[in-house]
Amino acid sequence: MSPSAELLALVGSFLATAFGLVRLALSAHRAMTERFVDFLESSLRRQEEVNAHFEAAIEQLTENVRENSTLLGRVAERLNVGGQS
């Protein structure tokens, strides 16, 4: 084999190896990115579920406070609290 053929074979194998490594790195990067996006999407879904539970709890608390205020107003009227004679 002539020196130029050996050099060409060496350069060809180097390029093939470099191309293979780049493809492997890009594949690993894509897989990592997909896992990260899946994690973010699942975190967002969990946060939306938690927010929905908080919203329901706050609505229920608001209604209960409104009821208690009404009942306290009635009790105050019956006890004649508030300085009215």
PDB file of N, CA and C in Angstrom:
ATOM      1  N   MET A   1       0.849  -1.164   0.000  1.00  0.00           N
ATOM      2  CA  MET A   1       0.000   0.000   0.000  1.00  0.00           C
ATOM      3  C   MET A   1       0.900   1.235   0.000  1.00  0.00           C
ATOM      4  N   SER A   2       0.568   2.178  -0.818  1.00  0.00           N
ATOM      5  CA  SER A   2       1.384   3.380  -0.935  1.00  0.00           C
ATOM      6  C   SER A   2       1.112   4.308   0.244  1.00  0.00           C
ATOM      7  N   PRO A   3       2.035   5.198   0.532  1.00  0.00           N
ATOM      8  CA  PRO A   3       1.832   6.125   1.657  1.00  0.00           C
ATOM      9  C   PRO A   3       0.592   7.000   1.495  1.00  0.00           C
ATOM     10  N   SER A   4       0.307   7.410   0.270  1.00  0.00           N
ATOM     11  CA  SER A   4      -0.890   8.254   0.082  1.00  0.00           C
ATOM     12  C   SER A   4      -2.161   7.441   0.322  1.00  0.00           C
ATOM     13  N   ALA A   5      -2.168   6.163  -0.036  1.00  0.00           N
ATOM     14  CA  ALA A   5      -3.328   5.315   0.205  1.00  0.00           C
ATOM     15  C   ALA A   5      -3.500   5.066   1.697  1.00  0.00           C
ATOM     16  N   GLU A   6      -2.380   4.884   2.405  1.00  0.00           N
ATOM     17  CA  GLU A   6      -2.451   4.690   3.860  1.00  0.00           C
ATOM     18  C   GLU A   6      -2.988   5.947   4.536  1.00  0.00           C
ATOM     19  N   LEU A   7      -2.514   7.097   4.071  1.00  0.00           N
ATOM     20  CA  LEU A   7      -2.970   8.365   4.638  1.00  0.00           C
ATOM     21  C   LEU A   7      -4.460   8.566   4.360  1.00  0.00           C
ATOM     22  N   LEU A   8      -4.881   8.230   3.141  1.00  0.00           N
ATOM     23  CA  LEU A   8      -6.285   8.350   2.788  1.00  0.00           C
ATOM     24  C   LEU A   8      -7.146   7.411   3.630  1.00  0.00           C
ATOM     25  N   ALA A   9      -6.666   6.189   3.865  1.00  0.00           N
ATOM     26  CA  ALA A   9      -7.395   5.232   4.690  1.00  0.00           C
ATOM     27  C   ALA A   9      -7.465   5.723   6.133  1.00  0.00           C
ATOM     28  N   LEU A  10      -6.379   6.283   6.619  1.00  0.00           N
ATOM     29  CA  LEU A  10      -6.336   6.806   7.981  1.00  0.00           C
ATOM     30  C   LEU A  10      -7.310   7.976   8.139  1.00  0.00           C
ATOM     31  N   VAL A  11      -7.307   8.901   7.181  1.00  0.00           N
ATOM     32  CA  VAL A  11      -8.212  10.047   7.231  1.00  0.00           C
ATOM     33  C   VAL A  11      -9.660   9.573   7.118  1.00  0.00           C
ATOM     34  N   GLY A  12      -9.902   8.597   6.250  1.00  0.00           N
ATOM     35  CA  GLY A  12     -11.253   8.059   6.098  1.00  0.00           C
ATOM     36  C   GLY A  12     -11.752   7.408   7.371  1.00  0.00           C
ATOM     37  N   SER A  13     -10.906   6.629   8.009  1.00  0.00           N
ATOM     38  CA  SER A  13     -11.327   5.985   9.259  1.00  0.00           C
ATOM     39  C   SER A  13     -11.524   7.017  10.365  1.00  0.00           C
ATOM     40  N   PHE A  14     -10.690   8.056  10.385  1.00  0.00           N
ATOM     41  CA  PHE A  14     -10.851   9.123  11.365  1.00  0.00           C
ATOM     42  C   PHE A  14     -12.196   9.829  11.164  1.00  0.00           C
ATOM     43  N   LEU A  15     -12.508  10.153   9.902  1.00  0.00           N
ATOM     44  CA  LEU A  15     -13.777  10.823   9.620  1.00  0.00           C
ATOM     45  C   LEU A  15     -14.967   9.935   9.959  1.00  0.00           C
ATOM     46  N   ALA A  16     -14.888   8.662   9.658  1.00  0.00           N
ATOM     47  CA  ALA A  16     -15.978   7.742   9.972  1.00  0.00           C
ATOM     48  C   ALA A  16     -16.172   7.636  11.481  1.00  0.00           C
ATOM     49  N   THR A  17     -15.073   7.560  12.228  1.00  0.00           N
ATOM     50  CA  THR A  17     -15.150   7.495  13.687  1.00  0.00           C
ATOM     51  C   THR A  17     -15.734   8.788  14.259  1.00  0.00           C
ATOM     52  N   ALA A  18     -15.266   9.923  13.737  1.00  0.00           N
ATOM     53  CA  ALA A  18     -15.778  11.212  14.211  1.00  0.00           C
ATOM     54  C   ALA A  18     -17.268  11.337  13.913  1.00  0.00           C
ATOM     55  N   PHE A  19     -17.679  10.928  12.726  1.00  0.00           N
ATOM     56  CA  PHE A  19     -19.093  10.980  12.361  1.00  0.00           C
ATOM     57  C   PHE A  19     -19.921  10.089  13.292  1.00  0.00           C
ATOM     58  N   GLY A  20     -19.414   8.901  13.586  1.00  0.00           N
ATOM     59  CA  GLY A  20     -20.106   7.981  14.489  1.00  0.00           C
ATOM     60  C   GLY A  20     -20.237   8.556  15.890  1.00  0.00           C
ATOM     61  N   LEU A  21     -19.179   9.179  16.375  1.00  0.00           N
ATOM     62  CA  LEU A  21     -19.227   9.784  17.715  1.00  0.00           C
ATOM     63  C   LEU A  21     -20.213  10.948  17.770  1.00  0.00           C
ATOM     64  N   VAL A  22     -20.246  11.739  16.708  1.00  0.00           N
ATOM     65  CA  VAL A  22     -21.192  12.865  16.668  1.00  0.00           C
ATOM     66  C   VAL A  22     -22.624  12.335  16.661  1.00  0.00           C
ATOM     67  N   ARG A  23     -22.896  11.307  15.881  1.00  0.00           N
ATOM     68  CA  ARG A  23     -24.249  10.722  15.851  1.00  0.00           C
ATOM     69  C   ARG A  23     -24.623  10.159  17.217  1.00  0.00           C
ATOM     70  N   LEU A  24     -23.671   9.490  17.866  1.00  0.00           N
ATOM     71  CA  LEU A  24     -23.927   8.930  19.193  1.00  0.00           C
ATOM     72  C   LEU A  24     -24.209  10.039  20.203  1.00  0.00           C
ATOM     73  N   ALA A  25     -23.417  11.106  20.158  1.00  0.00           N
ATOM     74  CA  ALA A  25     -23.615  12.218  21.087  1.00  0.00           C
ATOM     75  C   ALA A  25     -24.958  12.895  20.841  1.00  0.00           C
ATOM     76  N   LEU A  26     -25.321  13.101  19.579  1.00  0.00           N
ATOM     77  CA  LEU A  26     -26.605  13.734  19.279  1.00  0.00           C
ATOM     78  C   LEU A  26     -27.775  12.853  19.698  1.00  0.00           C
ATOM     79  N   SER A  27     -27.628  11.561  19.526  1.00  0.00           N
ATOM     80  CA  SER A  27     -28.680  10.637  19.949  1.00  0.00           C
ATOM     81  C   SER A  27     -28.853  10.673  21.466  1.00  0.00           C
ATOM     82  N   ALA A  28     -27.743  10.664  22.181  1.00  0.00           N
ATOM     83  CA  ALA A  28     -27.811  10.731  23.650  1.00  0.00           C
ATOM     84  C   ALA A  28     -28.404  12.066  24.092  1.00  0.00           C
ATOM     85  N   HIS A  29     -28.026  13.141  23.409  1.00  0.00           N
ATOM     86  CA  HIS A  29     -28.549  14.463  23.753  1.00  0.00           C
ATOM     87  C   HIS A  29     -30.057  14.530  23.496  1.00  0.00           C
ATOM     88  N   ARG A  30     -30.510  13.967  22.406  1.00  0.00           N
ATOM     89  CA  ARG A  30     -31.942  13.955  22.090  1.00  0.00           C
ATOM     90  C   ARG A  30     -32.710  13.167  23.150  1.00  0.00           C
ATOM     91  N   ALA A  31     -32.169  12.008  23.545  1.00  0.00           N
ATOM     92  CA  ALA A  31     -32.841  11.199  24.569  1.00  0.00           C
ATOM     93  C   ALA A  31     -32.914  11.952  25.894  1.00  0.00           C
ATOM     94  N   MET A  32     -31.827  12.623  26.260  1.00  0.00           N
ATOM     95  CA  MET A  32     -31.809  13.383  27.505  1.00  0.00           C
ATOM     96  C   MET A  32     -32.812  14.539  27.431  1.00  0.00           C
ATOM     97  N   THR A  33     -32.879  15.204  26.289  1.00  0.00           N
ATOM     98  CA  THR A  33     -33.814  16.308  26.118  1.00  0.00           C
ATOM     99  C   THR A  33     -35.251  15.817  26.212  1.00  0.00           C
ATOM    100  N   GLU A  34     -35.549  14.682  25.610  1.00  0.00           N
ATOM    101  CA  GLU A  34     -36.901  14.126  25.674  1.00  0.00           C
ATOM    102  C   GLU A  34     -37.281  13.755  27.107  1.00  0.00           C
ATOM    103  N   ARG A  35     -36.338  13.186  27.866  1.00  0.00           N
ATOM    104  CA  ARG A  35     -36.617  12.862  29.270  1.00  0.00           C
ATOM    105  C   ARG A  35     -36.884  14.133  30.069  1.00  0.00           C
ATOM    106  N   PHE A  36     -36.108  15.181  29.799  1.00  0.00           N
ATOM    107  CA  PHE A  36     -36.284  16.438  30.517  1.00  0.00           C
ATOM    108  C   PHE A  36     -37.639  17.060  30.196  1.00  0.00           C
ATOM    109  N   VAL A  37     -38.030  17.040  28.928  1.00  0.00           N
ATOM    110  CA  VAL A  37     -39.335  17.581  28.534  1.00  0.00           C
ATOM    111  C   VAL A  37     -40.459  16.767  29.169  1.00  0.00           C
ATOM    112  N   ASP A  38     -40.319  15.450  29.196  1.00  0.00           N
ATOM    113  CA  ASP A  38     -41.329  14.604  29.848  1.00  0.00           C
ATOM    114  C   ASP A  38     -41.441  14.948  31.331  1.00  0.00           C
ATOM    115  N   PHE A  39     -40.292  15.159  31.977  1.00  0.00           N
ATOM    116  CA  PHE A  39     -40.286  15.535  33.391  1.00  0.00           C
ATOM    117  C   PHE A  39     -40.996  16.874  33.589  1.00  0.00           C
ATOM    118  N   LEU A  40     -40.709  17.849  32.730  1.00  0.00           N
ATOM    119  CA  LEU A  40     -41.352  19.155  32.859  1.00  0.00           C
ATOM    120  C   LEU A  40     -42.861  19.059  32.640  1.00  0.00           C
ATOM    121  N   GLU A  41     -43.273  18.264  31.659  1.00  0.00           N
ATOM    122  CA  GLU A  41     -44.703  18.113  31.398  1.00  0.00           C
ATOM    123  C   GLU A  41     -45.414  17.439  32.567  1.00  0.00           C
ATOM    124  N   SER A  42     -44.800  16.407  33.142  1.00  0.00           N
ATOM    125  CA  SER A  42     -45.434  15.734  34.282  1.00  0.00           C
ATOM    126  C   SER A  42     -45.464  16.657  35.504  1.00  0.00           C
ATOM    127  N   SER A  43     -44.420  17.455  35.682  1.00  0.00           N
ATOM    128  CA  SER A  43     -44.420  18.421  36.790  1.00  0.00           C
ATOM    129  C   SER A  43     -45.524  19.447  36.606  1.00  0.00           C
ATOM    130  N   LEU A  44     -45.715  19.892  35.378  1.00  0.00           N
ATOM    131  CA  LEU A  44     -46.780  20.856  35.101  1.00  0.00           C
ATOM    132  C   LEU A  44     -48.148  20.248  35.358  1.00  0.00           C
ATOM    133  N   ARG A  45     -48.343  18.998  34.960  1.00  0.00           N
ATOM    134  CA  ARG A  45     -49.628  18.331  35.216  1.00  0.00           C
ATOM    135  C   ARG A  45     -49.885  18.205  36.712  1.00  0.00           C
ATOM    136  N   ARG A  46     -48.850  17.806  37.478  1.00  0.00           N
ATOM    137  CA  ARG A  46     -49.018  17.693  38.931  1.00  0.00           C
ATOM    138  C   ARG A  46     -49.341  19.045  39.545  1.00  0.00           C
ATOM    139  N   GLN A  47     -48.674  20.096  39.081  1.00  0.00           N
ATOM    140  CA  GLN A  47     -48.923  21.433  39.620  1.00  0.00           C
ATOM    141  C   GLN A  47     -50.341  21.883  39.303  1.00  0.00           C
ATOM    142  N   GLU A  48     -50.827  21.565  38.105  1.00  0.00           N
ATOM    143  CA  GLU A  48     -52.197  21.921  37.754  1.00  0.00           C
ATOM    144  C   GLU A  48     -53.193  21.184  38.640  1.00  0.00           C
ATOM    145  N   GLU A  49     -52.917  19.920  38.969  1.00  0.00           N
ATOM    146  CA  GLU A  49     -53.792  19.163  39.860  1.00  0.00           C
ATOM    147  C   GLU A  49     -53.799  19.778  41.258  1.00  0.00           C
ATOM    148  N   VAL A  50     -52.632  20.141  41.742  1.00  0.00           N
ATOM    149  CA  VAL A  50     -52.543  20.762  43.070  1.00  0.00           C
ATOM    150  C   VAL A  50     -53.295  22.091  43.071  1.00  0.00           C
ATOM    151  N   ASN A  51     -53.127  22.872  42.013  1.00  0.00           N
ATOM    152  CA  ASN A  51     -53.835  24.158  41.929  1.00  0.00           C
ATOM    153  C   ASN A  51     -55.343  23.955  41.908  1.00  0.00           C
ATOM    154  N   ALA A  52     -55.804  22.926  41.217  1.00  0.00           N
ATOM    155  CA  ALA A  52     -57.246  22.648  41.186  1.00  0.00           C
ATOM    156  C   ALA A  52     -57.753  22.300  42.583  1.00  0.00           C
ATOM    157  N   HIS A  53     -56.972  21.511  43.333  1.00  0.00           N
ATOM    158  CA  HIS A  53     -57.382  21.181  44.709  1.00  0.00           C
ATOM    159  C   HIS A  53     -57.390  22.425  45.591  1.00  0.00           C
ATOM    160  N   PHE A  54     -56.379  23.285  45.426  1.00  0.00           N
ATOM    161  CA  PHE A  54     -56.348  24.527  46.200  1.00  0.00           C
ATOM    162  C   PHE A  54     -57.544  25.409  45.853  1.00  0.00           C
ATOM    163  N   GLU A  55     -57.874  25.477  44.585  1.00  0.00           N
ATOM    164  CA  GLU A  55     -59.004  26.304  44.167  1.00  0.00           C
ATOM    165  C   GLU A  55     -60.293  25.807  44.805  1.00  0.00           C
ATOM    166  N   ALA A  56     -60.491  24.486  44.793  1.00  0.00           N
ATOM    167  CA  ALA A  56     -61.697  23.922  45.413  1.00  0.00           C
ATOM    168  C   ALA A  56     -61.712  24.193  46.914  1.00  0.00           C
ATOM    169  N   ALA A  57     -60.566  24.045  47.561  1.00  0.00           N
ATOM    170  CA  ALA A  57     -60.497  24.289  49.006  1.00  0.00           C
ATOM    171  C   ALA A  57     -60.761  25.753  49.331  1.00  0.00           C
ATOM    172  N   ILE A  58     -60.234  26.659  48.537  1.00  0.00           N
ATOM    173  CA  ILE A  58     -60.457  28.090  48.784  1.00  0.00           C
ATOM    174  C   ILE A  58     -61.919  28.458  48.559  1.00  0.00           C
ATOM    175  N   GLU A  59     -62.530  27.891  47.529  1.00  0.00           N
ATOM    176  CA  GLU A  59     -63.958  28.157  47.295  1.00  0.00           C
ATOM    177  C   GLU A  59     -64.804  27.655  48.464  1.00  0.00           C
ATOM    178  N   GLN A  60     -64.480  26.456  48.956  1.00  0.00           N
ATOM    179  CA  GLN A  60     -65.219  25.906  50.087  1.00  0.00           C
ATOM    180  C   GLN A  60     -64.995  26.754  51.341  1.00  0.00           C
ATOM    181  N   LEU A  61     -63.773  27.169  51.556  1.00  0.00           N
ATOM    182  CA  LEU A  61     -63.472  28.018  52.711  1.00  0.00           C
ATOM    183  C   LEU A  61     -64.215  29.347  52.613  1.00  0.00           C
ATOM    184  N   THR A  62     -64.255  29.922  51.423  1.00  0.00           N
ATOM    185  CA  THR A  62     -64.981  31.180  51.233  1.00  0.00           C
ATOM    186  C   THR A  62     -66.456  31.013  51.563  1.00  0.00           C
ATOM    187  N   GLU A  63     -67.036  29.937  51.084  1.00  0.00           N
ATOM    188  CA  GLU A  63     -68.455  29.688  51.362  1.00  0.00           C
ATOM    189  C   GLU A  63     -68.688  29.484  52.856  1.00  0.00           C
ATOM    190  N   ASN A  64     -67.805  28.742  53.515  1.00  0.00           N
ATOM    191  CA  ASN A  64     -67.962  28.510  54.959  1.00  0.00           C
ATOM    192  C   ASN A  64     -67.805  29.795  55.752  1.00  0.00           C
ATOM    193  N   VAL A  65     -66.872  30.648  55.361  1.00  0.00           N
ATOM    194  CA  VAL A  65     -66.693  31.926  56.058  1.00  0.00           C
ATOM    195  C   VAL A  65     -67.931  32.797  55.864  1.00  0.00           C
ATOM    196  N   ARG A  66     -68.484  32.784  54.661  1.00  0.00           N
ATOM    197  CA  ARG A  66     -69.690  33.560  54.383  1.00  0.00           C
ATOM    198  C   ARG A  66     -70.842  33.068  55.264  1.00  0.00           C
ATOM    199  N   GLU A  67     -71.000  31.739  55.358  1.00  0.00           N
ATOM    200  CA  GLU A  67     -72.054  31.172  56.215  1.00  0.00           C
ATOM    201  C   GLU A  67     -71.839  31.546  57.668  1.00  0.00           C
ATOM    202  N   ASN A  68     -70.606  31.425  58.141  1.00  0.00           N
ATOM    203  CA  ASN A  68     -70.312  31.759  59.543  1.00  0.00           C
ATOM    204  C   ASN A  68     -70.567  33.228  59.828  1.00  0.00           C
ATOM    205  N   SER A  69     -70.236  34.085  58.881  1.00  0.00           N
ATOM    206  CA  SER A  69     -70.496  35.520  59.076  1.00  0.00           C
ATOM    207  C   SER A  69     -71.983  35.793  59.180  1.00  0.00           C
ATOM    208  N   THR A  70     -72.748  35.132  58.333  1.00  0.00           N
ATOM    209  CA  THR A  70     -74.206  35.294  58.385  1.00  0.00           C
ATOM    210  C   THR A  70     -74.748  34.800  59.723  1.00  0.00           C
ATOM    211  N   LEU A  71     -74.293  33.623  60.157  1.00  0.00           N
ATOM    212  CA  LEU A  71     -74.758  33.075  61.433  1.00  0.00           C
ATOM    213  C   LEU A  71     -74.348  33.955  62.604  1.00  0.00           C
ATOM    214  N   LEU A  72     -73.146  34.480  62.589  1.00  0.00           N
ATOM    215  CA  LEU A  72     -72.705  35.366  63.675  1.00  0.00           C
ATOM    216  C   LEU A  72     -73.525  36.649  63.692  1.00  0.00           C
ATOM    217  N   GLY A  73     -73.872  37.137  62.505  1.00  0.00           N
ATOM    218  CA  GLY A  73     -74.733  38.329  62.446  1.00  0.00           C
ATOM    219  C   GLY A  73     -76.088  38.057  63.065  1.00  0.00           C
ATOM    220  N   ARG A  74     -76.659  36.885  62.805  1.00  0.00           N
ATOM    221  CA  ARG A  74     -77.962  36.522  63.385  1.00  0.00           C
ATOM    222  C   ARG A  74     -77.862  36.380  64.896  1.00  0.00           C
ATOM    223  N   VAL A  75     -76.782  35.742  65.359  1.00  0.00           N
ATOM    224  CA  VAL A  75     -76.587  35.570  66.799  1.00  0.00           C
ATOM    225  C   VAL A  75     -76.445  36.937  67.458  1.00  0.00           C
ATOM    226  N   ALA A  76     -75.688  37.820  66.822  1.00  0.00           N
ATOM    227  CA  ALA A  76     -75.505  39.163  67.377  1.00  0.00           C
ATOM    228  C   ALA A  76     -76.830  39.907  67.437  1.00  0.00           C
ATOM    229  N   GLU A  77     -77.675  39.740  66.424  1.00  0.00           N
ATOM    230  CA  GLU A  77     -78.998  40.397  66.451  1.00  0.00           C
ATOM    231  C   GLU A  77     -79.858  39.856  67.577  1.00  0.00           C
ATOM    232  N   ARG A  78     -79.816  38.532  67.785  1.00  0.00           N
ATOM    233  CA  ARG A  78     -80.628  37.925  68.845  1.00  0.00           C
ATOM    234  C   ARG A  78     -80.150  38.336  70.224  1.00  0.00           C
ATOM    235  N   LEU A  79     -78.850  38.509  70.367  1.00  0.00           N
ATOM    236  CA  LEU A  79     -78.306  38.900  71.663  1.00  0.00           C
ATOM    237  C   LEU A  79     -78.282  40.408  71.842  1.00  0.00           C
ATOM    238  N   ASN A  80     -78.728  41.104  70.796  1.00  0.00           N
ATOM    239  CA  ASN A  80     -78.743  42.555  70.809  1.00  0.00           C
ATOM    240  C   ASN A  80     -77.353  43.119  71.075  1.00  0.00           C
ATOM    241  N   VAL A  81     -76.382  42.540  70.392  1.00  0.00           N
ATOM    242  CA  VAL A  81     -74.998  43.019  70.512  1.00  0.00           C
ATOM    243  C   VAL A  81     -74.812  44.123  69.493  1.00  0.00           C
ATOM    244  N   GLY A  82     -74.078  45.129  69.873  1.00  0.00           N
ATOM    245  CA  GLY A  82     -73.815  46.225  68.952  1.00  0.00           C
ATOM    246  C   GLY A  82     -74.302  47.547  69.483  1.00  0.00           C
ATOM    247  N   GLY A  83     -74.815  47.557  70.704  1.00  0.00           N
ATOM    248  CA  GLY A  83     -75.187  48.809  71.331  1.00  0.00           C
ATOM    249  C   GLY A  83     -76.571  49.311  70.976  1.00  0.00           C
ATOM    250  N   GLN A  84     -77.378  48.543  70.284  1.00  0.00           N
ATOM    251  CA  GLN A  84     -78.724  49.002  69.938  1.00  0.00           C
ATOM    252  C   GLN A  84     -79.682  48.614  71.068  1.00  0.00           C
ATOM    253  N   SER A  85     -80.572  49.528  71.401  1.00  0.00           N
ATOM    254  CA  SER A  85     -81.529  49.280  72.495  1.00  0.00           C
ATOM    255  C   SER A  85     -82.931  49.148  71.991  1.00  0.00           C
TER     256      SER A  85
END
